[in-house]
Amino acid sequence: MIRTVLVFLLLVFGGFFVGLYVAYDEFDPCRALAVEKARRAALPTGVAEVWTTITTERRDRLSCSRSLIASWRARIAD
């Protein structure tokens, strides 16, 4: 039972990081969040990515992961 739960959690987290790499070419959730925000910004991509990288680099990974998932939910809801 515990083994099955651990394998399931490993697959979920592994899928999350594989998805990050496929979608953003990044494993770091903060860098992926910066790319996501840059794609949704009204500024040109190069400028927006630099700006969003500056704003996300001081955050911890858990906070970035939560914001990234919230951004995905907002995109699905739109």
PDB file of N, CA and C in Angstrom:
ATOM      1  N   MET A   1       0.822  -1.194   0.000  1.00  0.00           N
ATOM      2  CA  MET A   1       0.000   0.000   0.000  1.00  0.00           C
ATOM      3  C   MET A   1       0.869   1.263   0.000  1.00  0.00           C
ATOM      4  N   ILE A   2       1.798   1.333   0.944  1.00  0.00           N
ATOM      5  CA  ILE A   2       2.663   2.508   1.017  1.00  0.00           C
ATOM      6  C   ILE A   2       3.541   2.582  -0.217  1.00  0.00           C
ATOM      7  N   ARG A   3       3.962   1.445  -0.687  1.00  0.00           N
ATOM      8  CA  ARG A   3       4.796   1.401  -1.891  1.00  0.00           C
ATOM      9  C   ARG A   3       4.038   1.981  -3.094  1.00  0.00           C
ATOM     10  N   THR A   4       2.776   1.650  -3.223  1.00  0.00           N
ATOM     11  CA  THR A   4       1.956   2.147  -4.319  1.00  0.00           C
ATOM     12  C   THR A   4       1.786   3.664  -4.229  1.00  0.00           C
ATOM     13  N   VAL A   5       1.563   4.163  -3.036  1.00  0.00           N
ATOM     14  CA  VAL A   5       1.416   5.605  -2.842  1.00  0.00           C
ATOM     15  C   VAL A   5       2.716   6.322  -3.184  1.00  0.00           C
ATOM     16  N   LEU A   6       3.848   5.778  -2.749  1.00  0.00           N
ATOM     17  CA  LEU A   6       5.135   6.394  -3.054  1.00  0.00           C
ATOM     18  C   LEU A   6       5.422   6.393  -4.552  1.00  0.00           C
ATOM     19  N   VAL A   7       5.107   5.311  -5.228  1.00  0.00           N
ATOM     20  CA  VAL A   7       5.304   5.255  -6.679  1.00  0.00           C
ATOM     21  C   VAL A   7       4.397   6.263  -7.366  1.00  0.00           C
ATOM     22  N   PHE A   8       3.162   6.373  -6.905  1.00  0.00           N
ATOM     23  CA  PHE A   8       2.236   7.346  -7.480  1.00  0.00           C
ATOM     24  C   PHE A   8       2.748   8.770  -7.297  1.00  0.00           C
ATOM     25  N   LEU A   9       3.213   9.112  -6.094  1.00  0.00           N
ATOM     26  CA  LEU A   9       3.750  10.449  -5.849  1.00  0.00           C
ATOM     27  C   LEU A   9       4.992  10.717  -6.692  1.00  0.00           C
ATOM     28  N   LEU A  10       5.824   9.727  -6.849  1.00  0.00           N
ATOM     29  CA  LEU A  10       7.007   9.867  -7.688  1.00  0.00           C
ATOM     30  C   LEU A  10       6.614  10.135  -9.138  1.00  0.00           C
ATOM     31  N   LEU A  11       5.608   9.456  -9.622  1.00  0.00           N
ATOM     32  CA  LEU A  11       5.135   9.685 -10.986  1.00  0.00           C
ATOM     33  C   LEU A  11       4.512  11.070 -11.151  1.00  0.00           C
ATOM     34  N   VAL A  12       3.776  11.525 -10.154  1.00  0.00           N
ATOM     35  CA  VAL A  12       3.166  12.853 -10.226  1.00  0.00           C
ATOM     36  C   VAL A  12       4.234  13.932 -10.260  1.00  0.00           C
ATOM     37  N   PHE A  13       5.194  13.869  -9.340  1.00  0.00           N
ATOM     38  CA  PHE A  13       6.261  14.874  -9.326  1.00  0.00           C
ATOM     39  C   PHE A  13       7.152  14.763 -10.550  1.00  0.00           C
ATOM     40  N   GLY A  14       7.426  13.550 -10.984  1.00  0.00           N
ATOM     41  CA  GLY A  14       8.209  13.365 -12.203  1.00  0.00           C
ATOM     42  C   GLY A  14       7.490  13.937 -13.409  1.00  0.00           C
ATOM     43  N   GLY A  15       6.187  13.718 -13.495  1.00  0.00           N
ATOM     44  CA  GLY A  15       5.395  14.283 -14.587  1.00  0.00           C
ATOM     45  C   GLY A  15       5.382  15.792 -14.556  1.00  0.00           C
ATOM     46  N   PHE A  16       5.343  16.363 -13.361  1.00  0.00           N
ATOM     47  CA  PHE A  16       5.371  17.819 -13.223  1.00  0.00           C
ATOM     48  C   PHE A  16       6.673  18.390 -13.786  1.00  0.00           C
ATOM     49  N   PHE A  17       7.807  17.796 -13.408  1.00  0.00           N
ATOM     50  CA  PHE A  17       9.083  18.318 -13.872  1.00  0.00           C
ATOM     51  C   PHE A  17       9.334  18.026 -15.342  1.00  0.00           C
ATOM     52  N   VAL A  18       8.869  16.901 -15.839  1.00  0.00           N
ATOM     53  CA  VAL A  18       8.970  16.635 -17.280  1.00  0.00           C
ATOM     54  C   VAL A  18       8.109  17.631 -18.051  1.00  0.00           C
ATOM     55  N   GLY A  19       6.927  17.913 -17.534  1.00  0.00           N
ATOM     56  CA  GLY A  19       6.064  18.912 -18.156  1.00  0.00           C
ATOM     57  C   GLY A  19       6.690  20.291 -18.166  1.00  0.00           C
ATOM     58  N   LEU A  20       7.353  20.658 -17.069  1.00  0.00           N
ATOM     59  CA  LEU A  20       8.060  21.939 -17.026  1.00  0.00           C
ATOM     60  C   LEU A  20       9.123  22.011 -18.111  1.00  0.00           C
ATOM     61  N   TYR A  21       9.878  20.945 -18.247  1.00  0.00           N
ATOM     62  CA  TYR A  21      10.955  20.962 -19.233  1.00  0.00           C
ATOM     63  C   TYR A  21      10.410  21.011 -20.657  1.00  0.00           C
ATOM     64  N   VAL A  22       9.368  20.257 -20.921  1.00  0.00           N
ATOM     65  CA  VAL A  22       8.792  20.236 -22.265  1.00  0.00           C
ATOM     66  C   VAL A  22       8.174  21.596 -22.616  1.00  0.00           C
ATOM     67  N   ALA A  23       7.474  22.198 -21.671  1.00  0.00           N
ATOM     68  CA  ALA A  23       6.772  23.455 -21.949  1.00  0.00           C
ATOM     69  C   ALA A  23       7.684  24.680 -21.912  1.00  0.00           C
ATOM     70  N   TYR A  24       8.692  24.671 -21.040  1.00  0.00           N
ATOM     71  CA  TYR A  24       9.473  25.884 -20.813  1.00  0.00           C
ATOM     72  C   TYR A  24      10.981  25.705 -21.002  1.00  0.00           C
ATOM     73  N   ASP A  25      11.453  24.522 -21.294  1.00  0.00           N
ATOM     74  CA  ASP A  25      12.887  24.210 -21.373  1.00  0.00           C
ATOM     75  C   ASP A  25      13.598  24.528 -20.066  1.00  0.00           C
ATOM     76  N   GLU A  26      12.920  24.365 -18.974  1.00  0.00           N
ATOM     77  CA  GLU A  26      13.456  24.645 -17.637  1.00  0.00           C
ATOM     78  C   GLU A  26      12.940  23.610 -16.653  1.00  0.00           C
ATOM     79  N   PHE A  27      13.777  23.249 -15.674  1.00  0.00           N
ATOM     80  CA  PHE A  27      13.327  22.403 -14.572  1.00  0.00           C
ATOM     81  C   PHE A  27      12.974  23.232 -13.349  1.00  0.00           C
ATOM     82  N   ASP A  28      13.521  24.430 -13.260  1.00  0.00           N
ATOM     83  CA  ASP A  28      13.300  25.291 -12.112  1.00  0.00           C
ATOM     84  C   ASP A  28      11.927  25.961 -12.218  1.00  0.00           C
ATOM     85  N   PRO A  29      11.063  25.788 -11.229  1.00  0.00           N
ATOM     86  CA  PRO A  29       9.731  26.392 -11.303  1.00  0.00           C
ATOM     87  C   PRO A  29       9.754  27.922 -11.378  1.00  0.00           C
ATOM     88  N   CYS A  30      10.737  28.557 -10.772  1.00  0.00           N
ATOM     89  CA  CYS A  30      10.810  30.024 -10.829  1.00  0.00           C
ATOM     90  C   CYS A  30      11.164  30.501 -12.235  1.00  0.00           C
ATOM     91  N   ARG A  31      12.075  29.824 -12.907  1.00  0.00           N
ATOM     92  CA  ARG A  31      12.406  30.182 -14.292  1.00  0.00           C
ATOM     93  C   ARG A  31      11.214  29.900 -15.198  1.00  0.00           C
ATOM     94  N   ALA A  32      10.520  28.784 -14.952  1.00  0.00           N
ATOM     95  CA  ALA A  32       9.336  28.462 -15.746  1.00  0.00           C
ATOM     96  C   ALA A  32       8.246  29.504 -15.529  1.00  0.00           C
ATOM     97  N   LEU A  33       8.099  29.978 -14.298  1.00  0.00           N
ATOM     98  CA  LEU A  33       7.122  31.023 -14.012  1.00  0.00           C
ATOM     99  C   LEU A  33       7.490  32.311 -14.737  1.00  0.00           C
ATOM    100  N   ALA A  34       8.770  32.631 -14.785  1.00  0.00           N
ATOM    101  CA  ALA A  34       9.214  33.824 -15.504  1.00  0.00           C
ATOM    102  C   ALA A  34       8.885  33.715 -16.989  1.00  0.00           C
ATOM    103  N   VAL A  35       9.106  32.550 -17.573  1.00  0.00           N
ATOM    104  CA  VAL A  35       8.788  32.342 -18.987  1.00  0.00           C
ATOM    105  C   VAL A  35       7.284  32.432 -19.210  1.00  0.00           C
ATOM    106  N   GLU A  36       6.518  31.835 -18.307  1.00  0.00           N
ATOM    107  CA  GLU A  36       5.048  31.875 -18.417  1.00  0.00           C
ATOM    108  C   GLU A  36       4.531  33.317 -18.352  1.00  0.00           C
ATOM    109  N   LYS A  37       5.043  34.095 -17.400  1.00  0.00           N
ATOM    110  CA  LYS A  37       4.616  35.487 -17.286  1.00  0.00           C
ATOM    111  C   LYS A  37       5.050  36.296 -18.498  1.00  0.00           C
ATOM    112  N   ALA A  38       6.228  36.002 -19.020  1.00  0.00           N
ATOM    113  CA  ALA A  38       6.713  36.725 -20.206  1.00  0.00           C
ATOM    114  C   ALA A  38       5.838  36.425 -21.414  1.00  0.00           C
ATOM    115  N   ARG A  39       5.395  35.196 -21.550  1.00  0.00           N
ATOM    116  CA  ARG A  39       4.529  34.831 -22.673  1.00  0.00           C
ATOM    117  C   ARG A  39       3.180  35.513 -22.595  1.00  0.00           C
ATOM    118  N   ARG A  40       2.691  35.768 -21.384  1.00  0.00           N
ATOM    119  CA  ARG A  40       1.382  36.376 -21.214  1.00  0.00           C
ATOM    120  C   ARG A  40       1.432  37.896 -21.129  1.00  0.00           C
ATOM    121  N   ALA A  41       2.634  38.477 -21.104  1.00  0.00           N
ATOM    122  CA  ALA A  41       2.790  39.932 -20.964  1.00  0.00           C
ATOM    123  C   ALA A  41       2.536  40.632 -22.293  1.00  0.00           C
ATOM    124  N   ALA A  42       2.233  41.914 -22.191  1.00  0.00           N
ATOM    125  CA  ALA A  42       1.997  42.721 -23.388  1.00  0.00           C
ATOM    126  C   ALA A  42       3.299  43.260 -23.971  1.00  0.00           C
ATOM    127  N   LEU A  43       4.391  43.114 -23.248  1.00  0.00           N
ATOM    128  CA  LEU A  43       5.693  43.583 -23.710  1.00  0.00           C
ATOM    129  C   LEU A  43       6.310  42.590 -24.694  1.00  0.00           C
ATOM    130  N   PRO A  44       7.312  43.019 -25.466  1.00  0.00           N
ATOM    131  CA  PRO A  44       8.037  42.057 -26.306  1.00  0.00           C
ATOM    132  C   PRO A  44       8.668  40.965 -25.436  1.00  0.00           C
ATOM    133  N   THR A  45       8.762  39.753 -25.955  1.00  0.00           N
ATOM    134  CA  THR A  45       9.169  38.594 -25.168  1.00  0.00           C
ATOM    135  C   THR A  45      10.528  38.765 -24.500  1.00  0.00           C
ATOM    136  N   GLY A  46      11.519  39.284 -25.207  1.00  0.00           N
ATOM    137  CA  GLY A  46      12.848  39.443 -24.625  1.00  0.00           C
ATOM    138  C   GLY A  46      12.861  40.368 -23.425  1.00  0.00           C
ATOM    139  N   VAL A  47      12.179  41.492 -23.536  1.00  0.00           N
ATOM    140  CA  VAL A  47      12.103  42.463 -22.436  1.00  0.00           C
ATOM    141  C   VAL A  47      11.295  41.885 -21.284  1.00  0.00           C
ATOM    142  N   ALA A  48      10.186  41.279 -21.591  1.00  0.00           N
ATOM    143  CA  ALA A  48       9.313  40.732 -20.555  1.00  0.00           C
ATOM    144  C   ALA A  48       9.998  39.608 -19.795  1.00  0.00           C
ATOM    145  N   GLU A  49      10.767  38.773 -20.485  1.00  0.00           N
ATOM    146  CA  GLU A  49      11.424  37.660 -19.795  1.00  0.00           C
ATOM    147  C   GLU A  49      12.491  38.161 -18.830  1.00  0.00           C
ATOM    148  N   VAL A  50      13.224  39.180 -19.212  1.00  0.00           N
ATOM    149  CA  VAL A  50      14.221  39.754 -18.297  1.00  0.00           C
ATOM    150  C   VAL A  50      13.532  40.324 -17.065  1.00  0.00           C
ATOM    151  N   TRP A  51      12.456  41.071 -17.274  1.00  0.00           N
ATOM    152  CA  TRP A  51      11.732  41.674 -16.161  1.00  0.00           C
ATOM    153  C   TRP A  51      11.119  40.614 -15.249  1.00  0.00           C
ATOM    154  N   THR A  52      10.498  39.606 -15.802  1.00  0.00           N
ATOM    155  CA  THR A  52       9.868  38.583 -14.975  1.00  0.00           C
ATOM    156  C   THR A  52      10.911  37.724 -14.263  1.00  0.00           C
ATOM    157  N   THR A  53      12.066  37.536 -14.863  1.00  0.00           N
ATOM    158  CA  THR A  53      13.137  36.797 -14.191  1.00  0.00           C
ATOM    159  C   THR A  53      13.593  37.559 -12.948  1.00  0.00           C
ATOM    160  N   ILE A  54      13.716  38.861 -13.068  1.00  0.00           N
ATOM    161  CA  ILE A  54      14.116  39.685 -11.923  1.00  0.00           C
ATOM    162  C   ILE A  54      13.085  39.582 -10.807  1.00  0.00           C
ATOM    163  N   THR A  55      11.814  39.576 -11.148  1.00  0.00           N
ATOM    164  CA  THR A  55      10.770  39.538 -10.120  1.00  0.00           C
ATOM    165  C   THR A  55      10.595  38.162  -9.493  1.00  0.00           C
ATOM    166  N   THR A  56      10.969  37.096 -10.187  1.00  0.00           N
ATOM    167  CA  THR A  56      10.770  35.758  -9.624  1.00  0.00           C
ATOM    168  C   THR A  56      12.015  35.158  -9.001  1.00  0.00           C
ATOM    169  N   GLU A  57      13.180  35.737  -9.217  1.00  0.00           N
ATOM    170  CA  GLU A  57      14.401  35.100  -8.733  1.00  0.00           C
ATOM    171  C   GLU A  57      14.541  35.134  -7.217  1.00  0.00           C
ATOM    172  N   ARG A  58      13.838  36.035  -6.533  1.00  0.00           N
ATOM    173  CA  ARG A  58      13.924  36.137  -5.077  1.00  0.00           C
ATOM    174  C   ARG A  58      12.917  35.239  -4.361  1.00  0.00           C
ATOM    175  N   ARG A  59      12.069  34.572  -5.096  1.00  0.00           N
ATOM    176  CA  ARG A  59      11.031  33.741  -4.492  1.00  0.00           C
ATOM    177  C   ARG A  59      11.546  32.317  -4.280  1.00  0.00           C
ATOM    178  N   ASP A  60      10.938  31.617  -3.325  1.00  0.00           N
ATOM    179  CA  ASP A  60      11.312  30.218  -3.119  1.00  0.00           C
ATOM    180  C   ASP A  60      10.576  29.339  -4.123  1.00  0.00           C
ATOM    181  N   ARG A  61      11.052  28.119  -4.300  1.00  0.00           N
ATOM    182  CA  ARG A  61      10.507  27.230  -5.334  1.00  0.00           C
ATOM    183  C   ARG A  61       9.064  26.840  -5.083  1.00  0.00           C
ATOM    184  N   LEU A  62       8.691  26.667  -3.839  1.00  0.00           N
ATOM    185  CA  LEU A  62       7.307  26.303  -3.535  1.00  0.00           C
ATOM    186  C   LEU A  62       6.354  27.428  -3.927  1.00  0.00           C
ATOM    187  N   SER A  63       6.727  28.638  -3.618  1.00  0.00           N
ATOM    188  CA  SER A  63       5.909  29.788  -3.992  1.00  0.00           C
ATOM    189  C   SER A  63       5.796  29.915  -5.510  1.00  0.00           C
ATOM    190  N   CYS A  64       6.914  29.702  -6.204  1.00  0.00           N
ATOM    191  CA  CYS A  64       6.887  29.756  -7.668  1.00  0.00           C
ATOM    192  C   CYS A  64       6.010  28.646  -8.243  1.00  0.00           C
ATOM    193  N   SER A  65       6.092  27.459  -7.660  1.00  0.00           N
ATOM    194  CA  SER A  65       5.271  26.342  -8.139  1.00  0.00           C
ATOM    195  C   SER A  65       3.793  26.642  -7.967  1.00  0.00           C
ATOM    196  N   ARG A  66       3.434  27.200  -6.829  1.00  0.00           N
ATOM    197  CA  ARG A  66       2.027  27.553  -6.583  1.00  0.00           C
ATOM    198  C   ARG A  66       1.546  28.620  -7.563  1.00  0.00           C
ATOM    199  N   SER A  67       2.383  29.616  -7.801  1.00  0.00           N
ATOM    200  CA  SER A  67       2.010  30.676  -8.745  1.00  0.00           C
ATOM    201  C   SER A  67       1.899  30.146 -10.165  1.00  0.00           C
ATOM    202  N   LEU A  68       2.777  29.221 -10.516  1.00  0.00           N
ATOM    203  CA  LEU A  68       2.736  28.626 -11.852  1.00  0.00           C
ATOM    204  C   LEU A  68       1.455  27.817 -12.040  1.00  0.00           C
ATOM    205  N   ILE A  69       1.086  27.040 -11.046  1.00  0.00           N
ATOM    206  CA  ILE A  69      -0.148  26.257 -11.125  1.00  0.00           C
ATOM    207  C   ILE A  69      -1.360  27.183 -11.169  1.00  0.00           C
ATOM    208  N   ALA A  70      -1.335  28.271 -10.398  1.00  0.00           N
ATOM    209  CA  ALA A  70      -2.426  29.255 -10.441  1.00  0.00           C
ATOM    210  C   ALA A  70      -2.514  29.899 -11.824  1.00  0.00           C
ATOM    211  N   SER A  71      -1.371  30.136 -12.453  1.00  0.00           N
ATOM    212  CA  SER A  71      -1.355  30.704 -13.807  1.00  0.00           C
ATOM    213  C   SER A  71      -1.951  29.720 -14.802  1.00  0.00           C
ATOM    214  N   TRP A  72      -1.644  28.447 -14.629  1.00  0.00           N
ATOM    215  CA  TRP A  72      -2.233  27.431 -15.511  1.00  0.00           C
ATOM    216  C   TRP A  72      -3.751  27.383 -15.338  1.00  0.00           C
ATOM    217  N   ARG A  73      -4.197  27.444 -14.084  1.00  0.00           N
ATOM    218  CA  ARG A  73      -5.650  27.435 -13.837  1.00  0.00           C
ATOM    219  C   ARG A  73      -6.324  28.645 -14.464  1.00  0.00           C
ATOM    220  N   ALA A  74      -5.686  29.796 -14.359  1.00  0.00           N
ATOM    221  CA  ALA A  74      -6.259  31.008 -14.957  1.00  0.00           C
ATOM    222  C   ALA A  74      -6.305  30.883 -16.473  1.00  0.00           C
ATOM    223  N   ARG A  75      -5.298  30.267 -17.064  1.00  0.00           N
ATOM    224  CA  ARG A  75      -5.291  30.083 -18.515  1.00  0.00           C
ATOM    225  C   ARG A  75      -6.398  29.129 -18.946  1.00  0.00           C
ATOM    226  N   ILE A  76      -6.627  28.087 -18.171  1.00  0.00           N
ATOM    227  CA  ILE A  76      -7.690  27.126 -18.497  1.00  0.00           C
ATOM    228  C   ILE A  76      -9.058  27.796 -18.344  1.00  0.00           C
ATOM    229  N   ALA A  77      -9.207  28.634 -17.312  1.00  0.00           N
ATOM    230  CA  ALA A  77     -10.484  29.296 -17.063  1.00  0.00           C
ATOM    231  C   ALA A  77     -10.818  30.343 -18.127  1.00  0.00           C
ATOM    232  N   ASP A  78      -9.806  30.919 -18.768  1.00  0.00           N
ATOM    233  CA  ASP A  78     -10.052  31.951 -19.791  1.00  0.00           C
ATOM    234  C   ASP A  78     -10.557  31.397 -21.083  1.00  0.00           C
TER     235      ASP A  78
END
